Amino acid sequence: RWHEVCLLSKTYKSDIIILNEVGKVEIGFVETCFAAHNVYYQAGENSHGGVLIMIRNNLRAARVKFNTPNVCAIDLMIGQPLRIVAVYAPASKTWNWDSLSPLISRNCVFIGDFNIDLEKDGGKADELYMWMDNHALGPVLPDSSTSLRSDRTIDFAIATALDLALQTHKGSTTSDHKPLV
């Protein structure tokens, strides 16, 4: 869906672009299409897995060494560093929430497809809430559901005490998820 990613990027003039479920990515192609961005990629565990973070070149960023499938982390150097972690958490993931704990910093945000609706998924949601509570993290939910196959909000952010708001893109998409802005 690269044409759609390009269109959304131009529409919103995005400095930071996070993509989930990207599959196997040809980094050279992405770097050509998004020449104004540095590209950070982490492969996934299945054919749809993989996450990508693209940061506009004029922003200083450094990749955080962390070799877990479907999890990519960067430190954005803007005053106080901000850690941004892209997460794709399919039901078949081989890691657990505690595996992500080393990535937590004073200013951090985990964003992506968690495949858990915090209001509707009972025990799975409780596990994620427990991890958040243990690390002084809180959810940041968008203004509407994110799944186009159901009335569920499975794409959101988890953050330290940051001033952050998320909205779903109101236009059409070829994805089964509404893009977050």
N, C-alpha and C. Protein backbone atom coordinates (compact mmCIF):
# COMPACT_ATOMS: atom_id res chain seq x y z
N ARG A 1 0.82 -1.20 0.00
CA ARG A 1 0.00 0.00 0.00
C ARG A 1 0.86 1.26 0.00
N TRP A 2 2.00 1.21 -0.69
CA TRP A 2 2.92 2.33 -0.65
C TRP A 2 2.30 3.60 -1.22
N HIS A 3 1.45 3.46 -2.23
CA HIS A 3 0.81 4.66 -2.79
C HIS A 3 -0.03 5.37 -1.73
N GLU A 4 -0.70 4.60 -0.90
CA GLU A 4 -1.52 5.19 0.16
C GLU A 4 -0.65 5.82 1.25
N VAL A 5 0.45 5.17 1.58
CA VAL A 5 1.38 5.72 2.57
C VAL A 5 1.94 7.05 2.06
N CYS A 6 2.32 7.10 0.80
CA CYS A 6 2.84 8.35 0.21
C CYS A 6 1.79 9.46 0.26
N LEU A 7 0.56 9.12 -0.09
CA LEU A 7 -0.52 10.11 -0.08
C LEU A 7 -0.79 10.63 1.33
N LEU A 8 -0.88 9.74 2.30
CA LEU A 8 -1.12 10.16 3.68
C LEU A 8 0.04 11.02 4.20
N SER A 9 1.26 10.65 3.85
CA SER A 9 2.44 11.40 4.28
C SER A 9 2.41 12.82 3.74
N LYS A 10 2.01 12.97 2.50
CA LYS A 10 1.94 14.31 1.90
C LYS A 10 0.76 15.09 2.45
N THR A 11 -0.34 14.43 2.70
CA THR A 11 -1.52 15.09 3.24
C THR A 11 -1.24 15.67 4.62
N TYR A 12 -0.58 14.88 5.47
CA TYR A 12 -0.34 15.31 6.84
C TYR A 12 1.04 15.92 7.05
N LYS A 13 1.88 15.93 6.02
CA LYS A 13 3.24 16.47 6.11
C LYS A 13 3.96 15.89 7.33
N SER A 14 3.99 14.57 7.37
CA SER A 14 4.46 13.84 8.55
C SER A 14 5.98 13.91 8.73
N ASP A 15 6.40 14.25 9.94
CA ASP A 15 7.81 14.17 10.31
C ASP A 15 8.17 12.76 10.76
N ILE A 16 7.20 12.07 11.33
CA ILE A 16 7.40 10.71 11.83
C ILE A 16 6.29 9.84 11.24
N ILE A 17 6.70 8.73 10.64
CA ILE A 17 5.75 7.78 10.07
C ILE A 17 6.06 6.41 10.66
N ILE A 18 5.03 5.77 11.20
CA ILE A 18 5.19 4.43 11.77
C ILE A 18 4.24 3.50 11.04
N LEU A 19 4.80 2.42 10.52
CA LEU A 19 4.00 1.45 9.79
C LEU A 19 4.13 0.08 10.45
N ASN A 20 2.99 -0.62 10.55
CA ASN A 20 2.97 -1.96 11.14
C ASN A 20 2.51 -2.96 10.10
N GLU A 21 2.83 -4.20 10.33
CA GLU A 21 2.44 -5.30 9.43
C GLU A 21 2.92 -5.02 8.01
N VAL A 22 4.19 -4.66 7.88
CA VAL A 22 4.72 -4.29 6.57
C VAL A 22 5.27 -5.47 5.79
N GLY A 23 5.38 -6.64 6.42
CA GLY A 23 5.97 -7.78 5.72
C GLY A 23 7.45 -7.55 5.49
N LYS A 24 7.98 -8.26 4.51
CA LYS A 24 9.39 -8.09 4.17
C LYS A 24 9.53 -6.80 3.37
N VAL A 25 10.44 -5.94 3.77
CA VAL A 25 10.58 -4.61 3.18
C VAL A 25 11.90 -4.51 2.42
N GLU A 26 11.86 -3.94 1.24
CA GLU A 26 13.05 -3.60 0.48
C GLU A 26 13.44 -2.18 0.91
N ILE A 27 14.41 -2.10 1.81
CA ILE A 27 14.80 -0.82 2.40
C ILE A 27 15.20 0.20 1.34
N GLY A 28 15.91 -0.21 0.31
CA GLY A 28 16.32 0.71 -0.74
C GLY A 28 15.13 1.39 -1.41
N PHE A 29 14.05 0.63 -1.64
CA PHE A 29 12.84 1.18 -2.23
C PHE A 29 12.23 2.24 -1.31
N VAL A 30 12.14 1.92 -0.02
CA VAL A 30 11.55 2.85 0.95
C VAL A 30 12.40 4.11 1.04
N GLU A 31 13.72 3.94 1.08
CA GLU A 31 14.61 5.11 1.16
C GLU A 31 14.50 5.99 -0.08
N THR A 32 14.24 5.40 -1.23
CA THR A 32 14.05 6.18 -2.46
C THR A 32 12.73 6.94 -2.42
N CYS A 33 11.68 6.26 -2.00
CA CYS A 33 10.35 6.90 -1.94
C CYS A 33 10.29 7.97 -0.85
N PHE A 34 11.01 7.77 0.22
CA PHE A 34 10.98 8.70 1.35
C PHE A 34 12.40 9.22 1.60
N ALA A 35 12.95 9.86 0.58
CA ALA A 35 14.33 10.34 0.64
C ALA A 35 14.54 11.37 1.74
N ALA A 36 13.50 12.05 2.17
CA ALA A 36 13.61 13.06 3.22
C ALA A 36 13.52 12.45 4.62
N HIS A 37 13.50 11.12 4.72
CA HIS A 37 13.37 10.43 6.00
C HIS A 37 14.48 9.40 6.19
N ASN A 38 14.91 9.21 7.43
CA ASN A 38 15.75 8.08 7.80
C ASN A 38 14.82 6.92 8.09
N VAL A 39 15.20 5.71 7.67
CA VAL A 39 14.34 4.54 7.76
C VAL A 39 14.91 3.54 8.76
N TYR A 40 14.05 3.08 9.67
CA TYR A 40 14.42 2.07 10.67
C TYR A 40 13.41 0.93 10.56
N TYR A 41 13.90 -0.30 10.42
CA TYR A 41 13.02 -1.45 10.17
C TYR A 41 13.37 -2.59 11.11
N GLN A 42 12.35 -3.30 11.55
CA GLN A 42 12.55 -4.53 12.31
C GLN A 42 11.63 -5.59 11.71
N ALA A 43 12.19 -6.70 11.32
CA ALA A 43 11.42 -7.79 10.72
C ALA A 43 10.47 -8.39 11.75
N GLY A 44 9.49 -9.10 11.23
CA GLY A 44 8.50 -9.74 12.08
C GLY A 44 8.68 -11.24 12.14
N GLU A 45 7.72 -11.89 12.76
CA GLU A 45 7.77 -13.34 12.94
C GLU A 45 6.92 -14.10 11.92
N ASN A 46 6.09 -13.37 11.19
CA ASN A 46 5.26 -14.03 10.19
C ASN A 46 5.30 -13.21 8.90
N SER A 47 4.62 -13.67 7.87
CA SER A 47 4.70 -13.01 6.57
C SER A 47 4.15 -11.58 6.59
N HIS A 48 3.25 -11.29 7.52
CA HIS A 48 2.68 -9.94 7.60
C HIS A 48 3.41 -9.07 8.62
N GLY A 49 4.28 -9.66 9.40
CA GLY A 49 4.95 -8.94 10.48
C GLY A 49 5.97 -7.94 9.97
N GLY A 50 6.54 -7.23 10.89
CA GLY A 50 7.53 -6.22 10.59
C GLY A 50 6.99 -4.83 10.87
N VAL A 51 7.86 -3.97 11.38
CA VAL A 51 7.49 -2.59 11.67
C VAL A 51 8.55 -1.67 11.09
N LEU A 52 8.12 -0.46 10.78
CA LEU A 52 8.98 0.50 10.13
C LEU A 52 8.75 1.86 10.78
N ILE A 53 9.84 2.55 11.11
CA ILE A 53 9.76 3.93 11.60
C ILE A 53 10.55 4.78 10.61
N MET A 54 9.93 5.86 10.17
CA MET A 54 10.62 6.80 9.29
C MET A 54 10.59 8.17 9.97
N ILE A 55 11.77 8.76 10.11
CA ILE A 55 11.93 10.05 10.79
C ILE A 55 12.52 11.05 9.80
N ARG A 56 11.90 12.22 9.67
CA ARG A 56 12.40 13.24 8.76
C ARG A 56 13.87 13.53 9.06
N ASN A 57 14.66 13.69 8.00
CA ASN A 57 16.12 13.85 8.10
C ASN A 57 16.56 15.00 8.99
N ASN A 58 15.77 16.06 9.10
CA ASN A 58 16.19 17.21 9.90
C ASN A 58 16.01 16.98 11.40
N LEU A 59 15.47 15.83 11.80
CA LEU A 59 15.34 15.47 13.21
C LEU A 59 16.41 14.45 13.56
N ARG A 60 17.13 14.72 14.65
CA ARG A 60 18.17 13.77 15.07
C ARG A 60 17.53 12.58 15.77
N ALA A 61 17.89 11.39 15.31
CA ALA A 61 17.36 10.16 15.90
C ALA A 61 18.45 9.10 15.87
N ALA A 62 18.36 8.19 16.82
CA ALA A 62 19.29 7.07 16.89
C ALA A 62 18.51 5.80 17.20
N ARG A 63 18.85 4.74 16.52
CA ARG A 63 18.19 3.47 16.76
C ARG A 63 18.61 2.91 18.11
N VAL A 64 17.66 2.33 18.82
CA VAL A 64 17.93 1.66 20.09
C VAL A 64 18.13 0.18 19.78
N LYS A 65 19.24 -0.37 20.23
CA LYS A 65 19.50 -1.80 19.97
C LYS A 65 18.49 -2.63 20.76
N PHE A 66 17.70 -3.39 20.02
CA PHE A 66 16.67 -4.23 20.62
C PHE A 66 16.22 -5.19 19.54
N ASN A 67 16.51 -6.45 19.70
CA ASN A 67 16.30 -7.41 18.63
C ASN A 67 15.11 -8.32 18.90
N THR A 68 13.94 -7.72 19.00
CA THR A 68 12.71 -8.48 19.20
C THR A 68 11.84 -8.30 17.96
N PRO A 69 11.31 -9.39 17.40
CA PRO A 69 10.50 -9.26 16.20
C PRO A 69 9.32 -8.32 16.40
N ASN A 70 9.02 -7.54 15.38
CA ASN A 70 7.87 -6.63 15.37
C ASN A 70 7.98 -5.48 16.37
N VAL A 71 9.18 -5.17 16.82
CA VAL A 71 9.40 -4.06 17.75
C VAL A 71 10.62 -3.29 17.28
N CYS A 72 10.44 -1.99 17.02
CA CYS A 72 11.53 -1.14 16.58
C CYS A 72 11.52 0.12 17.44
N ALA A 73 12.68 0.49 17.97
CA ALA A 73 12.76 1.64 18.87
C ALA A 73 13.82 2.62 18.40
N ILE A 74 13.48 3.90 18.52
CA ILE A 74 14.44 4.97 18.23
C ILE A 74 14.36 6.00 19.35
N ASP A 75 15.48 6.68 19.55
CA ASP A 75 15.51 7.83 20.45
C ASP A 75 15.54 9.08 19.58
N LEU A 76 14.55 9.92 19.75
CA LEU A 76 14.46 11.19 19.04
C LEU A 76 15.11 12.25 19.93
N MET A 77 16.13 12.92 19.41
CA MET A 77 16.89 13.89 20.20
C MET A 77 16.30 15.28 20.02
N ILE A 78 15.29 15.60 20.81
CA ILE A 78 14.66 16.92 20.78
C ILE A 78 14.61 17.42 22.21
N GLY A 79 15.57 18.24 22.60
CA GLY A 79 15.64 18.65 24.00
C GLY A 79 15.90 17.42 24.84
N GLN A 80 14.91 17.04 25.61
CA GLN A 80 14.99 15.79 26.35
C GLN A 80 14.66 14.65 25.39
N PRO A 81 15.50 13.61 25.30
CA PRO A 81 15.24 12.54 24.34
C PRO A 81 13.85 11.93 24.53
N LEU A 82 13.23 11.60 23.40
CA LEU A 82 11.94 10.92 23.40
C LEU A 82 12.14 9.57 22.73
N ARG A 83 11.82 8.52 23.43
CA ARG A 83 11.90 7.18 22.85
C ARG A 83 10.57 6.85 22.19
N ILE A 84 10.64 6.46 20.92
CA ILE A 84 9.47 6.04 20.16
C ILE A 84 9.65 4.57 19.83
N VAL A 85 8.65 3.77 20.21
CA VAL A 85 8.71 2.33 19.98
C VAL A 85 7.52 1.92 19.13
N ALA A 86 7.79 1.39 17.95
CA ALA A 86 6.74 0.85 17.07
C ALA A 86 6.52 -0.61 17.46
N VAL A 87 5.25 -0.97 17.63
CA VAL A 87 4.91 -2.32 18.09
C VAL A 87 3.82 -2.93 17.21
N TYR A 88 4.05 -4.14 16.77
CA TYR A 88 3.00 -4.95 16.17
C TYR A 88 2.94 -6.21 17.02
N ALA A 89 1.81 -6.44 17.67
CA ALA A 89 1.68 -7.55 18.63
C ALA A 89 0.60 -8.53 18.17
N PRO A 90 0.92 -9.40 17.21
CA PRO A 90 -0.07 -10.39 16.80
C PRO A 90 -0.31 -11.40 17.92
N ALA A 91 -1.41 -12.09 17.86
CA ALA A 91 -1.72 -13.10 18.87
C ALA A 91 -0.61 -14.16 18.92
N SER A 92 0.07 -14.38 17.82
CA SER A 92 1.11 -15.42 17.75
C SER A 92 2.50 -14.94 18.18
N LYS A 93 2.62 -13.75 18.76
CA LYS A 93 3.93 -13.22 19.12
C LYS A 93 4.64 -14.16 20.11
N THR A 94 5.97 -14.21 20.04
CA THR A 94 6.75 -15.08 20.91
C THR A 94 7.26 -14.35 22.15
N TRP A 95 7.02 -13.07 22.25
CA TRP A 95 7.47 -12.29 23.39
C TRP A 95 6.26 -11.87 24.23
N ASN A 96 6.53 -11.41 25.45
CA ASN A 96 5.44 -10.92 26.30
C ASN A 96 5.69 -9.44 26.62
N TRP A 97 4.74 -8.83 27.30
CA TRP A 97 4.86 -7.39 27.58
C TRP A 97 6.09 -7.08 28.40
N ASP A 98 6.44 -7.94 29.36
CA ASP A 98 7.64 -7.70 30.17
C ASP A 98 8.90 -7.65 29.31
N SER A 99 8.89 -8.32 28.16
CA SER A 99 10.04 -8.27 27.26
C SER A 99 10.33 -6.85 26.77
N LEU A 100 9.30 -6.00 26.77
CA LEU A 100 9.47 -4.62 26.30
C LEU A 100 9.93 -3.67 27.40
N SER A 101 9.96 -4.13 28.63
CA SER A 101 10.31 -3.26 29.76
C SER A 101 11.66 -2.57 29.63
N PRO A 102 12.71 -3.22 29.08
CA PRO A 102 13.99 -2.51 28.93
C PRO A 102 13.91 -1.28 28.03
N LEU A 103 12.87 -1.16 27.23
CA LEU A 103 12.73 -0.01 26.34
C LEU A 103 12.12 1.21 27.02
N ILE A 104 11.58 1.03 28.20
CA ILE A 104 10.91 2.14 28.88
C ILE A 104 11.96 3.15 29.34
N SER A 105 11.69 4.41 29.03
CA SER A 105 12.55 5.50 29.45
C SER A 105 11.68 6.58 30.08
N ARG A 106 12.32 7.62 30.56
CA ARG A 106 11.58 8.70 31.23
C ARG A 106 10.52 9.32 30.32
N ASN A 107 10.85 9.49 29.04
CA ASN A 107 9.92 10.01 28.04
C ASN A 107 9.83 8.98 26.92
N CYS A 108 8.76 8.24 26.90
CA CYS A 108 8.64 7.23 25.85
C CYS A 108 7.18 7.02 25.45
N VAL A 109 7.04 6.56 24.22
CA VAL A 109 5.72 6.21 23.70
C VAL A 109 5.84 4.93 22.88
N PHE A 110 5.01 3.97 23.19
CA PHE A 110 4.86 2.75 22.40
C PHE A 110 3.62 2.98 21.55
N ILE A 111 3.73 2.78 20.26
CA ILE A 111 2.58 3.02 19.40
C ILE A 111 2.49 1.93 18.34
N GLY A 112 1.25 1.51 18.08
CA GLY A 112 1.10 0.51 17.04
C GLY A 112 -0.17 -0.29 17.15
N ASP A 113 -0.07 -1.49 16.63
CA ASP A 113 -1.17 -2.45 16.57
C ASP A 113 -0.96 -3.46 17.68
N PHE A 114 -1.70 -3.28 18.78
CA PHE A 114 -1.56 -4.16 19.93
C PHE A 114 -2.47 -5.38 19.86
N ASN A 115 -3.43 -5.36 18.93
CA ASN A 115 -4.39 -6.45 18.77
C ASN A 115 -5.13 -6.77 20.06
N ILE A 116 -5.30 -5.76 20.89
CA ILE A 116 -6.06 -5.87 22.14
C ILE A 116 -6.94 -4.63 22.25
N ASP A 117 -8.22 -4.84 22.46
CA ASP A 117 -9.11 -3.73 22.77
C ASP A 117 -9.15 -3.64 24.29
N LEU A 118 -8.68 -2.53 24.84
CA LEU A 118 -8.55 -2.40 26.29
C LEU A 118 -9.88 -2.44 27.03
N GLU A 119 -10.98 -2.18 26.35
CA GLU A 119 -12.29 -2.22 26.99
C GLU A 119 -13.02 -3.54 26.78
N LYS A 120 -12.62 -4.32 25.78
CA LYS A 120 -13.42 -5.49 25.40
C LYS A 120 -12.70 -6.83 25.51
N ASP A 121 -11.40 -6.82 25.80
CA ASP A 121 -10.65 -8.07 25.72
C ASP A 121 -10.24 -8.68 27.05
N GLY A 122 -10.97 -8.39 28.11
CA GLY A 122 -10.83 -9.09 29.39
C GLY A 122 -9.43 -9.38 29.84
N GLY A 123 -9.09 -10.67 29.92
CA GLY A 123 -7.80 -11.11 30.45
C GLY A 123 -6.60 -10.58 29.70
N LYS A 124 -6.68 -10.54 28.37
CA LYS A 124 -5.56 -10.00 27.59
C LYS A 124 -5.36 -8.52 27.89
N ALA A 125 -6.45 -7.80 28.02
CA ALA A 125 -6.36 -6.38 28.37
C ALA A 125 -5.82 -6.21 29.79
N ASP A 126 -6.26 -7.07 30.71
CA ASP A 126 -5.77 -7.00 32.09
C ASP A 126 -4.26 -7.18 32.16
N GLU A 127 -3.72 -8.13 31.37
CA GLU A 127 -2.27 -8.35 31.34
C GLU A 127 -1.53 -7.10 30.88
N LEU A 128 -2.05 -6.47 29.83
CA LEU A 128 -1.42 -5.26 29.32
C LEU A 128 -1.54 -4.12 30.32
N TYR A 129 -2.72 -3.96 30.95
CA TYR A 129 -2.89 -2.93 31.98
C TYR A 129 -1.93 -3.16 33.15
N MET A 130 -1.74 -4.41 33.55
CA MET A 130 -0.83 -4.70 34.66
C MET A 130 0.59 -4.27 34.32
N TRP A 131 1.02 -4.57 33.11
CA TRP A 131 2.36 -4.16 32.68
C TRP A 131 2.46 -2.64 32.68
N MET A 132 1.44 -1.96 32.14
CA MET A 132 1.45 -0.49 32.13
C MET A 132 1.52 0.05 33.56
N ASP A 133 0.68 -0.47 34.44
CA ASP A 133 0.66 0.00 35.83
C ASP A 133 2.01 -0.20 36.51
N ASN A 134 2.66 -1.32 36.26
CA ASN A 134 3.95 -1.62 36.88
C ASN A 134 5.05 -0.66 36.43
N HIS A 135 4.83 0.04 35.32
CA HIS A 135 5.86 0.92 34.76
C HIS A 135 5.39 2.37 34.60
N ALA A 136 4.32 2.74 35.28
CA ALA A 136 3.80 4.11 35.24
C ALA A 136 3.53 4.58 33.81
N LEU A 137 2.95 3.69 33.02
CA LEU A 137 2.56 4.00 31.65
C LEU A 137 1.04 4.07 31.57
N GLY A 138 0.55 4.81 30.61
CA GLY A 138 -0.90 4.89 30.43
C GLY A 138 -1.27 4.82 28.98
N PRO A 139 -2.50 4.38 28.69
CA PRO A 139 -2.94 4.30 27.31
C PRO A 139 -3.34 5.66 26.75
N VAL A 140 -3.14 5.83 25.47
CA VAL A 140 -3.60 7.01 24.73
C VAL A 140 -4.43 6.45 23.58
N LEU A 141 -5.75 6.62 23.69
CA LEU A 141 -6.65 6.04 22.71
C LEU A 141 -7.07 7.08 21.68
N PRO A 142 -7.27 6.67 20.44
CA PRO A 142 -7.73 7.60 19.42
C PRO A 142 -9.20 7.95 19.60
N ASP A 143 -9.68 8.84 18.76
CA ASP A 143 -11.04 9.35 18.87
C ASP A 143 -12.13 8.39 18.40
N SER A 144 -11.77 7.28 17.76
CA SER A 144 -12.76 6.30 17.32
C SER A 144 -12.08 4.94 17.17
N SER A 145 -12.88 3.91 16.96
CA SER A 145 -12.33 2.56 16.79
C SER A 145 -11.37 2.55 15.60
N THR A 146 -10.44 1.60 15.61
CA THR A 146 -9.42 1.56 14.57
C THR A 146 -9.56 0.37 13.63
N SER A 147 -10.29 -0.63 14.02
CA SER A 147 -10.48 -1.80 13.15
C SER A 147 -11.66 -1.54 12.21
N LEU A 148 -11.45 -1.84 10.95
CA LEU A 148 -12.55 -1.71 9.99
C LEU A 148 -13.35 -3.01 9.87
N ARG A 149 -12.88 -4.07 10.53
CA ARG A 149 -13.60 -5.35 10.51
C ARG A 149 -14.51 -5.51 11.71
N SER A 150 -14.34 -4.67 12.72
CA SER A 150 -15.16 -4.74 13.92
C SER A 150 -15.15 -3.37 14.59
N ASP A 151 -15.92 -3.22 15.64
CA ASP A 151 -15.97 -1.96 16.38
C ASP A 151 -14.97 -2.02 17.54
N ARG A 152 -13.70 -2.23 17.20
CA ARG A 152 -12.66 -2.40 18.23
C ARG A 152 -11.55 -1.38 18.03
N THR A 153 -10.95 -0.98 19.13
CA THR A 153 -9.80 -0.08 19.11
C THR A 153 -8.59 -0.89 19.50
N ILE A 154 -7.84 -1.33 18.48
CA ILE A 154 -6.67 -2.19 18.71
C ILE A 154 -5.36 -1.49 18.35
N ASP A 155 -5.45 -0.29 17.80
CA ASP A 155 -4.28 0.53 17.47
C ASP A 155 -4.34 1.76 18.37
N PHE A 156 -3.28 1.97 19.14
CA PHE A 156 -3.25 3.08 20.08
C PHE A 156 -1.82 3.30 20.54
N ALA A 157 -1.64 4.12 21.53
CA ALA A 157 -0.32 4.38 22.10
C ALA A 157 -0.34 4.09 23.59
N ILE A 158 0.82 3.82 24.11
CA ILE A 158 1.05 3.67 25.55
C ILE A 158 2.23 4.58 25.86
N ALA A 159 2.08 5.45 26.85
CA ALA A 159 3.11 6.46 27.05
C ALA A 159 3.32 6.81 28.51
N THR A 160 4.47 7.42 28.75
CA THR A 160 4.70 8.09 30.03
C THR A 160 3.85 9.35 29.99
N ALA A 161 3.98 10.19 30.96
CA ALA A 161 3.13 11.38 31.06
C ALA A 161 3.48 12.39 29.97
N LEU A 162 3.10 12.09 28.75
CA LEU A 162 3.33 12.98 27.61
C LEU A 162 2.01 13.60 27.18
N ASP A 163 2.10 14.78 26.62
CA ASP A 163 0.92 15.43 26.05
C ASP A 163 0.76 14.89 24.63
N LEU A 164 -0.10 13.92 24.46
CA LEU A 164 -0.23 13.21 23.20
C LEU A 164 -1.71 13.00 22.90
N ALA A 165 -2.09 13.23 21.66
CA ALA A 165 -3.46 12.97 21.22
C ALA A 165 -3.40 12.20 19.91
N LEU A 166 -4.32 11.27 19.72
CA LEU A 166 -4.40 10.48 18.50
C LEU A 166 -5.77 10.64 17.87
N GLN A 167 -5.78 10.68 16.57
CA GLN A 167 -7.03 10.69 15.81
C GLN A 167 -6.94 9.61 14.75
N THR A 168 -8.09 9.11 14.33
CA THR A 168 -8.10 8.20 13.20
C THR A 168 -8.30 9.00 11.92
N HIS A 169 -7.64 8.58 10.86
CA HIS A 169 -7.81 9.21 9.56
C HIS A 169 -9.24 8.94 9.10
N LYS A 170 -9.94 9.99 8.70
CA LYS A 170 -11.36 9.86 8.35
C LYS A 170 -11.59 9.50 6.89
N GLY A 171 -10.56 9.56 6.06
CA GLY A 171 -10.72 9.23 4.65
C GLY A 171 -10.73 7.74 4.40
N SER A 172 -10.80 7.37 3.15
CA SER A 172 -10.83 5.95 2.80
C SER A 172 -9.43 5.35 2.92
N THR A 173 -9.39 4.04 3.06
CA THR A 173 -8.13 3.31 3.15
C THR A 173 -8.34 1.92 2.57
N THR A 174 -7.25 1.34 2.11
CA THR A 174 -7.30 -0.04 1.62
C THR A 174 -6.91 -1.02 2.71
N SER A 175 -6.54 -0.51 3.86
CA SER A 175 -6.16 -1.35 5.00
C SER A 175 -7.42 -1.80 5.75
N ASP A 176 -7.25 -2.78 6.63
CA ASP A 176 -8.34 -3.17 7.51
C ASP A 176 -8.26 -2.42 8.84
N HIS A 177 -7.34 -1.45 8.93
CA HIS A 177 -7.20 -0.57 10.10
C HIS A 177 -7.29 0.86 9.63
N LYS A 178 -7.87 1.72 10.46
CA LYS A 178 -7.85 3.16 10.17
C LYS A 178 -6.47 3.69 10.56
N PRO A 179 -5.81 4.42 9.68
CA PRO A 179 -4.52 5.02 10.05
C PRO A 179 -4.69 6.00 11.22
N LEU A 180 -3.68 6.06 12.08
CA LEU A 180 -3.68 7.00 13.20
C LEU A 180 -2.87 8.24 12.80
N VAL A 181 -3.35 9.38 13.27
CA VAL A 181 -2.66 10.65 13.05
C VAL A 181 -2.45 11.29 14.41
